[in-house]
Amino acid sequence: MILYEAAAAPAARAAESLVAGRRLTGRLLPYGASGETPFRFDPVERRFLFRDPGAAVSVGPWRVEAWNAVLTRFPAGPVLVGPGSAAEGFRGAYRAAAGAALAAGRPVYLLDPEAEGIPAEPGRSAVALCSWRPGGAASAFPGLVAAGEAGLRAAAVFPLLPGWTADTAELEALAAAAKAGGAAAFCPLAPALDGEGRRAIVEARTAADPASDGFFELVHHGDWSDRLGERLSAARDAGGRHGMASVPPRPVGKGERAGNAAASARLEELAVEREADEPRAALLYAAVRWIDDSLHDLAAVAREGNFRKIFPFDPPVADAAEAALREAR
């Protein structure tokens, strides 16, 4: 039996991070980070998290107002809400947190929302991130059902794991399942490969399939980390064959300029394309931060011919950003 207890204050993390290549400025945690299943893969941390079976799930407030003050501490830009909970129908914490973020004009990523947790008519201001669950490709992305019913654009996000999700046949099955579920993007993630991350991968696989012989050796002593780049390409190709992008759609907050959001989205996508060149990717994300922080309508500035006068980044970055600004509608 899972126990729930009311938290003394809303749980949040006001820190810049990435999820599947998209920049986040903070995260609202209506039910904590670990969730209520024995373990789950967190796409922001890029590692498996385990619930303490003896601990209660901490539940945030059900009132939108309680989350408003938390959001004022976040820098400008997208926020993530989640994961959700099966208790949402009678707790209401997820819907309150998501509603506060949307009302603040933020672009919002909804991680594994239950149907009851999705605010009414979020439109383009929200995108669902549906994380992978073990147990077979057909049931790998359960969050796609609620997202589809709510009319949300959605991405299927999953870790690339040797002998589990990264094999060619499994990638094809996962991509087909994501497309059938309505996903617009199929997003493979490189898991955290420090010692703790590797131990968690093995622990999760053992919990899901105690008969998984040889998995420990593969994770701790195999060459799969050297092949990760090749498997990322294979996973993105599998999604592409099914007509899906490899980066989630970027939501457009009601308080954002559409052109600014389009420019940020394009530079994030370039950063993913250049991820092997870490300094270049970092520069592109710095430009995204500058755009998200800007109070100007940058599309209007570009139309006036003044964008490059105020944009403090090199010509290739400026070219990409300005092209997105001019194309934005």
Protein backbone atom coordinates (compact mmCIF):
# COMPACT_ATOMS: atom_id res chain seq x y z
CA MET A 1 0.00 0.00 0.00
CA ILE A 2 1.27 3.47 -0.90
CA LEU A 3 0.87 6.18 1.71
CA TYR A 4 0.48 9.86 0.84
CA GLU A 5 1.09 12.82 3.09
CA ALA A 6 0.67 16.54 2.53
CA ALA A 7 3.93 18.44 2.10
CA ALA A 8 4.62 21.46 4.25
CA ALA A 9 5.46 23.51 1.13
CA PRO A 10 5.47 23.06 -2.66
CA ALA A 11 8.48 21.04 -3.85
CA ALA A 12 10.45 22.68 -6.64
CA ARG A 13 13.92 22.97 -8.13
CA ALA A 14 14.86 26.37 -9.51
CA ALA A 15 17.86 25.32 -11.56
CA GLU A 16 18.70 25.27 -15.23
CA SER A 17 18.77 21.81 -16.77
CA LEU A 18 17.98 19.97 -20.00
CA VAL A 19 15.38 17.40 -20.92
CA ALA A 20 15.85 15.63 -24.26
CA GLY A 21 17.74 18.66 -25.57
CA ARG A 22 15.25 21.29 -24.40
CA ARG A 23 16.26 23.89 -21.85
CA LEU A 24 14.44 24.08 -18.51
CA THR A 25 14.68 26.85 -15.93
CA GLY A 26 13.06 24.89 -13.13
CA ARG A 27 10.86 22.02 -12.11
CA LEU A 28 7.70 21.69 -10.05
CA LEU A 29 7.36 18.37 -8.18
CA PRO A 30 3.75 17.89 -7.06
CA TYR A 31 4.49 14.29 -5.99
CA GLY A 32 8.26 14.39 -5.58
CA ALA A 33 10.82 13.13 -8.09
CA SER A 34 10.78 9.39 -7.41
CA GLY A 35 7.11 8.77 -8.14
CA GLU A 36 5.09 5.93 -6.70
CA THR A 37 6.29 2.94 -8.74
CA PRO A 38 9.21 0.94 -7.28
CA PHE A 39 11.55 2.63 -9.77
CA ARG A 40 11.37 4.99 -12.72
CA PHE A 41 13.77 6.51 -15.23
CA ASP A 42 13.86 10.27 -14.83
CA PRO A 43 14.55 12.02 -18.16
CA VAL A 44 15.96 15.14 -16.50
CA GLU A 45 18.35 13.34 -14.16
CA ARG A 46 18.90 10.67 -16.85
CA ARG A 47 19.06 7.97 -14.22
CA PHE A 48 16.80 5.50 -12.45
CA LEU A 49 15.22 6.71 -9.22
CA PHE A 50 13.87 4.30 -6.61
CA ARG A 51 11.04 4.88 -4.18
CA ASP A 52 11.66 4.07 -0.54
CA PRO A 53 8.89 1.50 0.12
CA GLY A 54 8.67 2.61 3.73
CA ALA A 55 8.26 6.30 2.95
CA ALA A 56 5.07 8.17 2.12
CA VAL A 57 4.72 10.02 -1.16
CA SER A 58 4.88 13.74 -0.46
CA VAL A 59 1.92 15.58 -2.00
CA GLY A 60 2.06 19.25 -2.91
CA PRO A 61 -0.79 21.73 -2.48
CA TRP A 62 -3.96 21.50 -4.56
CA ARG A 63 -4.37 25.28 -4.78
CA VAL A 64 -2.89 27.09 -7.78
CA GLU A 65 -2.01 30.09 -5.60
CA ALA A 66 0.38 28.01 -3.51
CA TRP A 67 2.58 27.36 -6.56
CA ASN A 68 2.66 30.96 -7.78
CA ALA A 69 5.28 32.17 -5.33
CA VAL A 70 7.55 29.26 -6.28
CA LEU A 71 7.45 30.22 -9.94
CA THR A 72 8.61 33.78 -9.21
CA ARG A 73 11.97 32.32 -8.15
CA PHE A 74 12.52 30.69 -11.56
CA PRO A 75 14.38 32.51 -14.35
CA ALA A 76 12.47 33.25 -17.54
CA GLY A 77 11.84 30.25 -19.76
CA PRO A 78 10.26 26.80 -19.82
CA VAL A 79 9.42 24.80 -16.71
CA LEU A 80 8.69 21.12 -16.20
CA VAL A 81 5.91 19.73 -14.02
CA GLY A 82 5.98 16.15 -12.85
CA PRO A 83 5.96 13.25 -12.68
CA GLY A 84 2.28 12.63 -12.10
CA SER A 85 0.53 10.26 -9.73
CA ALA A 86 -2.35 7.80 -9.80
CA ALA A 87 -3.67 9.75 -6.81
CA GLU A 88 -4.14 12.91 -8.88
CA GLY A 89 -7.89 12.37 -9.20
CA PHE A 90 -8.43 13.08 -5.51
CA ARG A 91 -5.26 15.03 -4.65
CA GLY A 92 -5.14 17.60 -7.47
CA ALA A 93 -1.54 18.70 -6.88
CA TYR A 94 -0.35 18.15 -10.46
CA ARG A 95 -3.21 20.11 -12.02
CA ALA A 96 -2.60 22.98 -9.59
CA ALA A 97 1.13 23.13 -10.35
CA ALA A 98 0.58 22.90 -14.11
CA GLY A 99 -2.22 25.46 -13.94
CA ALA A 100 0.01 27.92 -12.09
CA ALA A 101 2.81 27.55 -14.63
CA LEU A 102 0.44 28.03 -17.56
CA ALA A 103 -1.27 31.01 -15.92
CA ALA A 104 2.15 32.61 -15.40
CA GLY A 105 2.61 32.56 -19.18
CA ARG A 106 5.32 29.90 -19.06
CA PRO A 107 6.00 27.28 -21.71
CA VAL A 108 5.37 24.02 -19.82
CA TYR A 109 6.51 20.44 -20.20
CA LEU A 110 4.16 17.98 -18.49
CA LEU A 111 6.02 14.84 -17.41
CA ASP A 112 3.83 11.73 -17.31
CA PRO A 113 0.55 13.51 -16.56
CA GLU A 114 -2.55 11.62 -15.54
CA ALA A 115 -5.68 12.70 -17.42
CA GLU A 116 -7.01 14.44 -14.30
CA GLY A 117 -3.82 16.47 -13.99
CA ILE A 118 -3.94 18.16 -17.39
CA PRO A 119 -5.47 21.67 -17.23
CA ALA A 120 -8.29 22.45 -19.63
CA GLU A 121 -7.28 23.62 -23.10
CA PRO A 122 -3.53 24.08 -22.62
CA GLY A 123 -3.11 24.54 -26.39
CA ARG A 124 0.45 25.10 -27.60
CA SER A 125 1.56 26.25 -24.16
CA ALA A 126 2.16 22.68 -22.96
CA VAL A 127 3.87 19.58 -24.32
CA ALA A 128 3.64 16.14 -22.70
CA LEU A 129 6.80 14.13 -22.06
CA CYS A 130 5.87 10.46 -21.78
CA SER A 131 8.65 8.44 -20.22
CA TRP A 132 9.45 4.82 -20.88
CA ARG A 133 8.29 1.94 -18.70
CA PRO A 134 9.71 -1.61 -18.85
CA GLY A 135 7.47 -4.48 -19.83
CA GLY A 136 7.32 -4.54 -23.62
CA ALA A 137 7.15 -1.98 -26.42
CA ALA A 138 3.35 -1.97 -26.67
CA SER A 139 3.04 -0.58 -23.12
CA ALA A 140 6.30 1.36 -22.99
CA PHE A 141 4.81 4.88 -23.09
CA PRO A 142 1.55 4.84 -21.11
CA GLY A 143 1.41 8.62 -20.79
CA LEU A 144 0.65 8.99 -24.49
CA VAL A 145 -2.95 7.97 -23.88
CA ALA A 146 -3.78 10.89 -21.58
CA ALA A 147 -1.80 13.30 -23.75
CA GLY A 148 -3.68 12.26 -26.87
CA GLU A 149 -7.07 12.55 -25.21
CA ALA A 150 -6.19 16.08 -24.08
CA GLY A 151 -4.98 17.11 -27.54
CA LEU A 152 -1.44 17.69 -26.33
CA ARG A 153 1.60 17.38 -28.52
CA ALA A 154 3.73 14.67 -26.96
CA ALA A 155 7.18 13.11 -27.02
CA ALA A 156 8.17 9.57 -26.08
CA VAL A 157 11.40 9.71 -24.05
CA PHE A 158 13.49 6.68 -23.12
CA PRO A 159 16.98 5.64 -22.01
CA LEU A 160 19.31 3.82 -24.37
CA LEU A 161 20.24 0.68 -22.44
CA PRO A 162 22.30 -2.23 -23.81
CA GLY A 163 20.46 -5.50 -24.07
CA TRP A 164 17.25 -3.75 -23.06
CA THR A 165 16.19 -0.76 -25.19
CA ALA A 166 19.16 -0.10 -27.49
CA ASP A 167 19.06 -3.16 -29.74
CA THR A 168 17.92 -2.59 -33.32
CA ALA A 169 14.77 -4.72 -33.11
CA GLU A 170 13.71 -3.13 -29.81
CA LEU A 171 14.29 0.39 -31.14
CA GLU A 172 12.06 -0.35 -34.11
CA ALA A 173 9.35 -1.78 -31.84
CA LEU A 174 9.54 1.21 -29.50
CA ALA A 175 9.39 3.67 -32.38
CA ALA A 176 6.36 1.91 -33.87
CA ALA A 177 4.61 1.95 -30.48
CA ALA A 178 5.37 5.64 -29.94
CA LYS A 179 4.03 6.55 -33.38
CA ALA A 180 0.90 4.46 -32.84
CA GLY A 181 0.37 6.28 -29.54
CA GLY A 182 0.46 9.67 -31.26
CA ALA A 183 3.95 10.86 -30.32
CA ALA A 184 5.37 13.73 -32.36
CA ALA A 185 8.90 12.96 -31.19
CA PHE A 186 10.90 9.86 -30.29
CA CYS A 187 13.68 10.92 -27.95
CA PRO A 188 16.50 8.56 -26.95
CA LEU A 189 18.51 9.66 -23.93
CA ALA A 190 22.04 8.69 -22.97
CA PRO A 191 21.81 7.54 -19.34
CA ALA A 192 24.12 8.82 -16.62
CA LEU A 193 27.17 6.54 -16.67
CA ASP A 194 28.83 7.32 -13.37
CA GLY A 195 29.16 4.51 -10.87
CA GLU A 196 25.84 5.28 -9.20
CA GLY A 197 24.08 5.50 -12.56
CA ARG A 198 25.40 2.12 -13.70
CA ARG A 199 24.47 0.46 -10.42
CA ALA A 200 20.94 1.87 -10.72
CA ILE A 201 20.60 0.53 -14.28
CA VAL A 202 21.53 -2.96 -13.13
CA GLU A 203 19.23 -2.74 -10.09
CA ALA A 204 16.31 -1.63 -12.26
CA ARG A 205 16.89 -4.40 -14.81
CA THR A 206 17.12 -7.00 -12.06
CA ALA A 207 13.86 -5.76 -10.54
CA ALA A 208 12.12 -5.85 -13.93
CA ASP A 209 13.63 -9.16 -15.07
CA PRO A 210 15.46 -11.22 -12.43
CA ALA A 211 16.52 -13.70 -15.13
CA SER A 212 18.54 -11.15 -17.11
CA ASP A 213 21.85 -13.04 -17.23
CA GLY A 214 24.98 -11.15 -18.21
CA PHE A 215 23.49 -7.69 -17.82
CA PHE A 216 25.82 -6.72 -14.96
CA GLU A 217 28.90 -7.56 -17.03
CA LEU A 218 27.53 -5.70 -20.03
CA VAL A 219 26.84 -2.51 -18.09
CA HIS A 220 29.94 -2.45 -15.88
CA HIS A 221 32.55 -4.07 -18.13
CA GLY A 222 31.22 -4.06 -21.69
CA ASP A 223 32.05 -1.61 -24.48
CA TRP A 224 28.52 -0.27 -24.85
CA SER A 225 29.40 3.22 -23.59
CA ASP A 226 31.82 3.53 -26.52
CA ARG A 227 28.98 2.62 -28.89
CA LEU A 228 26.49 5.04 -27.38
CA GLY A 229 26.88 7.64 -30.12
CA GLU A 230 26.19 5.05 -32.80
CA ARG A 231 23.11 3.77 -30.95
CA LEU A 232 21.81 7.33 -30.49
CA SER A 233 22.00 7.79 -34.25
CA ALA A 234 20.26 4.46 -34.81
CA ALA A 235 17.47 5.40 -32.40
CA ARG A 236 16.95 8.79 -34.05
CA ASP A 237 16.89 7.11 -37.46
CA ALA A 238 14.24 4.68 -36.19
CA GLY A 239 12.07 7.58 -35.07
CA GLY A 240 12.66 9.38 -38.35
CA ARG A 241 11.48 6.39 -40.35
CA HIS A 242 8.17 6.70 -38.51
CA GLY A 243 7.95 10.45 -39.13
CA MET A 244 8.93 11.57 -35.63
CA ALA A 245 11.43 14.22 -34.59
CA SER A 246 14.24 13.37 -32.16
CA VAL A 247 13.66 16.44 -29.95
CA PRO A 248 10.34 17.22 -28.23
CA PRO A 249 8.22 20.06 -29.60
CA ARG A 250 8.89 23.26 -27.69
CA PRO A 251 5.79 24.74 -26.06
CA VAL A 252 5.02 28.42 -26.58
CA GLY A 253 3.97 30.12 -23.37
CA LYS A 254 1.10 32.58 -23.39
CA GLY A 255 3.50 35.19 -22.04
CA GLU A 256 6.11 34.55 -24.73
CA ARG A 257 6.66 36.11 -28.13
CA ALA A 258 6.13 33.43 -30.78
CA GLY A 259 9.26 34.49 -32.64
CA ASN A 260 11.42 34.33 -29.53
CA ALA A 261 10.11 30.82 -28.79
CA ALA A 262 10.84 29.72 -32.37
CA ALA A 263 14.40 31.04 -32.21
CA SER A 264 15.03 29.30 -28.89
CA ALA A 265 13.63 26.06 -30.31
CA ARG A 266 15.86 26.21 -33.37
CA LEU A 267 19.03 26.86 -31.37
CA GLU A 268 18.20 24.00 -28.98
CA GLU A 269 17.84 21.69 -31.97
CA LEU A 270 21.19 22.85 -33.31
CA ALA A 271 22.74 22.18 -29.90
CA VAL A 272 21.48 18.59 -30.07
CA GLU A 273 22.92 18.24 -33.58
CA ARG A 274 26.26 19.55 -32.27
CA GLU A 275 26.20 17.64 -28.96
CA ALA A 276 29.55 15.97 -29.70
CA ASP A 277 31.12 19.46 -29.80
CA GLU A 278 30.45 20.37 -26.18
CA PRO A 279 31.77 23.98 -26.30
CA ARG A 280 29.61 24.73 -29.34
CA ALA A 281 26.54 23.15 -27.78
CA ALA A 282 27.13 25.17 -24.59
CA LEU A 283 27.36 28.37 -26.65
CA LEU A 284 24.06 27.59 -28.36
CA TYR A 285 22.34 27.01 -25.02
CA ALA A 286 23.78 30.29 -23.76
CA ALA A 287 22.14 31.99 -26.75
CA VAL A 288 18.85 30.26 -25.89
CA ARG A 289 19.13 31.63 -22.35
CA TRP A 290 19.70 35.14 -23.75
CA ILE A 291 16.61 34.87 -25.98
CA ASP A 292 14.43 33.48 -23.17
CA ASP A 293 15.55 36.33 -20.92
CA SER A 294 14.90 39.00 -23.54
CA LEU A 295 12.00 41.38 -23.03
CA HIS A 296 12.02 42.42 -26.70
CA ASP A 297 9.88 41.13 -29.54
CA LEU A 298 12.93 39.84 -31.39
CA ALA A 299 10.98 39.06 -34.58
CA ALA A 300 10.07 42.74 -34.81
CA VAL A 301 13.68 43.69 -34.11
CA ALA A 302 14.79 41.36 -36.92
CA ARG A 303 12.27 42.85 -39.36
CA GLU A 304 13.69 46.30 -38.57
CA GLY A 305 17.18 45.02 -39.37
CA ASN A 306 18.49 45.55 -35.85
CA PHE A 307 18.74 42.01 -34.48
CA ARG A 308 22.48 41.60 -34.98
CA LYS A 309 23.09 44.94 -33.26
CA ILE A 310 21.80 43.55 -29.96
CA PHE A 311 22.44 39.80 -30.26
CA PRO A 312 25.84 39.12 -28.62
CA PHE A 313 26.71 35.84 -30.36
CA ASP A 314 28.74 34.90 -33.42
CA PRO A 315 27.39 35.05 -37.02
CA PRO A 316 26.47 31.32 -37.40
CA VAL A 317 24.34 31.45 -34.24
CA ALA A 318 22.86 34.78 -35.28
CA ASP A 319 22.06 33.40 -38.75
CA ALA A 320 20.09 30.49 -37.29
CA ALA A 321 18.26 32.62 -34.74
CA GLU A 322 17.36 35.35 -37.22
CA ALA A 323 16.09 32.83 -39.78
CA ALA A 324 13.76 31.34 -37.16
CA LEU A 325 12.57 34.81 -36.14
CA ARG A 326 11.73 35.76 -39.72
CA GLU A 327 9.88 32.50 -40.34
CA ALA A 328 7.86 32.61 -37.09
CA ARG A 329 4.12 33.12 -37.20
